Amino acid sequence: MAEALVNTFKPLLGTPHPIQELVLIPSSGGRYEVTLDGEVVYSKAATHQHTTNEYVIEQVRKRLK
């Protein structure tokens, strides 16, 4: 998922990458959260379901506008 996010939001020529920082933190039980600027974009711990890269990318895209 990290690779999908970085590759999807490539910077325009001469501009900084829109993702300033991407941190992966290992957890137990396959739980993970995706946050953007401190706001939770997706939480497997909360939903108890896996998601798709496409769903997370769309949620990030909405928040970057």
N, C-alpha and C. Protein backbone atom coordinates (compact mmCIF):
# COMPACT_ATOMS: atom_id res chain seq x y z
N MET A 1 0.82 -1.18 0.00
CA MET A 1 0.00 0.00 0.00
C MET A 1 0.88 1.26 0.00
N ALA A 2 1.97 1.23 0.72
CA ALA A 2 2.86 2.39 0.76
C ALA A 2 3.37 2.72 -0.64
N GLU A 3 3.79 1.70 -1.37
CA GLU A 3 4.28 1.91 -2.72
C GLU A 3 3.18 2.49 -3.62
N ALA A 4 1.96 1.99 -3.47
CA ALA A 4 0.84 2.49 -4.27
C ALA A 4 0.58 3.97 -3.98
N LEU A 5 0.65 4.35 -2.72
CA LEU A 5 0.42 5.76 -2.36
C LEU A 5 1.52 6.66 -2.94
N VAL A 6 2.76 6.27 -2.76
CA VAL A 6 3.88 7.08 -3.25
C VAL A 6 3.83 7.20 -4.77
N ASN A 7 3.55 6.12 -5.46
CA ASN A 7 3.52 6.15 -6.92
C ASN A 7 2.30 6.88 -7.48
N THR A 8 1.19 6.83 -6.77
CA THR A 8 -0.02 7.50 -7.24
C THR A 8 0.11 9.01 -7.14
N PHE A 9 0.69 9.48 -6.07
CA PHE A 9 0.78 10.92 -5.83
C PHE A 9 2.18 11.43 -6.16
N LYS A 10 2.62 11.16 -7.38
CA LYS A 10 3.93 11.63 -7.82
C LYS A 10 3.91 13.15 -7.94
N PRO A 11 5.02 13.79 -7.62
CA PRO A 11 5.06 15.26 -7.72
C PRO A 11 5.11 15.72 -9.18
N LEU A 12 4.60 16.90 -9.40
CA LEU A 12 4.76 17.53 -10.70
C LEU A 12 6.21 17.98 -10.82
N LEU A 13 6.69 18.09 -12.02
CA LEU A 13 8.08 18.48 -12.26
C LEU A 13 8.40 19.78 -11.52
N GLY A 14 9.42 19.74 -10.71
CA GLY A 14 9.88 20.93 -9.99
C GLY A 14 9.11 21.23 -8.72
N THR A 15 8.20 20.35 -8.30
CA THR A 15 7.45 20.58 -7.06
C THR A 15 7.77 19.46 -6.08
N PRO A 16 7.61 19.73 -4.79
CA PRO A 16 7.87 18.68 -3.81
C PRO A 16 6.80 17.59 -3.87
N HIS A 17 7.15 16.42 -3.41
CA HIS A 17 6.20 15.31 -3.37
C HIS A 17 5.06 15.68 -2.41
N PRO A 18 3.80 15.44 -2.80
CA PRO A 18 2.68 15.80 -1.92
C PRO A 18 2.63 15.00 -0.63
N ILE A 19 3.31 13.85 -0.59
CA ILE A 19 3.39 13.08 0.65
C ILE A 19 4.72 13.44 1.30
N GLN A 20 4.65 14.21 2.36
CA GLN A 20 5.85 14.68 3.05
C GLN A 20 6.52 13.57 3.85
N GLU A 21 5.68 12.68 4.41
CA GLU A 21 6.23 11.63 5.25
C GLU A 21 5.30 10.43 5.18
N LEU A 22 5.88 9.25 5.10
CA LEU A 22 5.13 8.01 5.09
C LEU A 22 5.80 7.09 6.08
N VAL A 23 5.10 6.72 7.13
CA VAL A 23 5.67 5.91 8.20
C VAL A 23 4.87 4.62 8.32
N LEU A 24 5.56 3.51 8.30
CA LEU A 24 4.93 2.21 8.51
C LEU A 24 5.32 1.72 9.90
N ILE A 25 4.31 1.42 10.71
CA ILE A 25 4.54 0.97 12.07
C ILE A 25 3.99 -0.45 12.22
N PRO A 26 4.85 -1.42 12.46
CA PRO A 26 4.38 -2.79 12.62
C PRO A 26 3.42 -2.91 13.80
N SER A 27 2.46 -3.81 13.65
CA SER A 27 1.48 -4.05 14.71
C SER A 27 1.17 -5.54 14.72
N SER A 28 0.40 -5.95 15.68
CA SER A 28 0.04 -7.37 15.76
C SER A 28 -1.34 -7.61 15.17
N GLY A 29 -1.59 -8.81 14.77
CA GLY A 29 -2.91 -9.18 14.28
C GLY A 29 -3.29 -8.58 12.94
N GLY A 30 -2.31 -8.05 12.20
CA GLY A 30 -2.60 -7.49 10.88
C GLY A 30 -3.31 -6.15 10.93
N ARG A 31 -3.35 -5.52 12.08
CA ARG A 31 -4.01 -4.22 12.21
C ARG A 31 -3.13 -3.12 11.63
N TYR A 32 -3.77 -2.13 11.05
CA TYR A 32 -3.04 -0.96 10.57
C TYR A 32 -4.00 0.21 10.42
N GLU A 33 -3.43 1.39 10.42
CA GLU A 33 -4.19 2.61 10.17
C GLU A 33 -3.44 3.43 9.14
N VAL A 34 -4.19 4.16 8.36
CA VAL A 34 -3.63 5.12 7.42
C VAL A 34 -4.10 6.48 7.88
N THR A 35 -3.17 7.38 8.15
CA THR A 35 -3.53 8.73 8.57
C THR A 35 -2.90 9.75 7.63
N LEU A 36 -3.54 10.89 7.54
CA LEU A 36 -3.03 12.00 6.74
C LEU A 36 -3.20 13.27 7.56
N ASP A 37 -2.10 13.94 7.85
CA ASP A 37 -2.13 15.15 8.67
C ASP A 37 -2.84 14.92 9.99
N GLY A 38 -2.60 13.74 10.59
CA GLY A 38 -3.17 13.43 11.89
C GLY A 38 -4.61 12.94 11.85
N GLU A 39 -5.22 12.88 10.68
CA GLU A 39 -6.60 12.43 10.54
C GLU A 39 -6.61 11.00 10.00
N VAL A 40 -7.39 10.13 10.63
CA VAL A 40 -7.46 8.74 10.20
C VAL A 40 -8.20 8.65 8.87
N VAL A 41 -7.54 8.08 7.89
CA VAL A 41 -8.13 7.86 6.57
C VAL A 41 -8.78 6.48 6.53
N TYR A 42 -8.11 5.51 7.13
CA TYR A 42 -8.64 4.15 7.20
C TYR A 42 -8.06 3.45 8.42
N SER A 43 -8.88 2.67 9.10
CA SER A 43 -8.43 1.92 10.26
C SER A 43 -8.96 0.49 10.17
N LYS A 44 -8.05 -0.45 10.00
CA LYS A 44 -8.47 -1.86 10.01
C LYS A 44 -8.91 -2.25 11.41
N ALA A 45 -8.29 -1.65 12.42
CA ALA A 45 -8.68 -1.94 13.80
C ALA A 45 -10.13 -1.55 14.04
N ALA A 46 -10.58 -0.47 13.43
CA ALA A 46 -11.96 0.00 13.62
C ALA A 46 -12.95 -0.77 12.77
N THR A 47 -12.56 -1.12 11.53
CA THR A 47 -13.50 -1.77 10.61
C THR A 47 -13.45 -3.30 10.68
N HIS A 48 -12.34 -3.84 11.17
CA HIS A 48 -12.12 -5.29 11.23
C HIS A 48 -12.17 -5.92 9.84
N GLN A 49 -11.84 -5.12 8.82
CA GLN A 49 -11.82 -5.61 7.45
C GLN A 49 -10.60 -5.07 6.72
N HIS A 50 -10.09 -5.86 5.79
CA HIS A 50 -9.04 -5.35 4.91
C HIS A 50 -9.69 -4.42 3.90
N THR A 51 -8.92 -3.50 3.38
CA THR A 51 -9.41 -2.61 2.34
C THR A 51 -8.55 -2.77 1.10
N THR A 52 -8.90 -2.05 0.07
CA THR A 52 -8.10 -2.09 -1.16
C THR A 52 -7.21 -0.85 -1.22
N ASN A 53 -6.13 -0.97 -1.97
CA ASN A 53 -5.28 0.20 -2.20
C ASN A 53 -6.10 1.31 -2.84
N GLU A 54 -6.97 0.95 -3.76
CA GLU A 54 -7.76 1.94 -4.49
C GLU A 54 -8.64 2.76 -3.53
N TYR A 55 -9.25 2.10 -2.55
CA TYR A 55 -10.10 2.81 -1.59
C TYR A 55 -9.28 3.82 -0.79
N VAL A 56 -8.14 3.38 -0.29
CA VAL A 56 -7.30 4.27 0.52
C VAL A 56 -6.79 5.43 -0.33
N ILE A 57 -6.38 5.15 -1.57
CA ILE A 57 -5.90 6.20 -2.46
C ILE A 57 -7.00 7.23 -2.70
N GLU A 58 -8.22 6.79 -2.91
CA GLU A 58 -9.33 7.71 -3.13
C GLU A 58 -9.59 8.57 -1.89
N GLN A 59 -9.49 7.98 -0.70
CA GLN A 59 -9.71 8.75 0.53
C GLN A 59 -8.60 9.80 0.71
N VAL A 60 -7.36 9.42 0.40
CA VAL A 60 -6.25 10.37 0.49
C VAL A 60 -6.44 11.48 -0.55
N ARG A 61 -6.82 11.12 -1.78
CA ARG A 61 -7.03 12.09 -2.84
C ARG A 61 -8.07 13.14 -2.41
N LYS A 62 -9.15 12.72 -1.80
CA LYS A 62 -10.21 13.64 -1.34
C LYS A 62 -9.66 14.63 -0.33
N ARG A 63 -8.78 14.16 0.54
CA ARG A 63 -8.26 15.04 1.59
C ARG A 63 -7.14 15.97 1.10
N LEU A 64 -6.49 15.61 0.00
CA LEU A 64 -5.43 16.46 -0.54
C LEU A 64 -5.97 17.62 -1.36
N LYS A 65 -7.24 17.58 -1.75
CA LYS A 65 -7.81 18.65 -2.58
C LYS A 65 -8.05 19.90 -1.78
